[in-house]
Amino acid sequence: MDLAHESFSFKVDFNSIAHKETNQKVEEIKEVFLNNVPLVKRDINPWIVGSIMVKEENLSRFNHALHKSYSGLNKFEEQFAHKVDELD
């Protein structure tokens, strides 16, 4: 498949046939992945998340986060983190 081919240069309209077919293929790929790729926890030599640098003047704290606080989040990251915090 040549992704540089000119046929890939057109935008796909929301709810078009191409959009619906693409969504269907994505769902099929997702199902194949979820049904065939096992996720395994590493008990020996686990990966440890390191610390991050946080600027005090732009600090955000979240309940359901990997680190105690964050700074410099973009608008999407900030909204996403707040939505995650709403989960219980």
Foldseek 3Di string as FASTA:
>chain_A
DDCVDPVVVDDDDPPDPVNVVVVVVVVVVVVCCVVPPDDDADPPPHDDDDDDDADPVAWDAADPDPDRIHGDDDPVVVVVRVVVSVDD
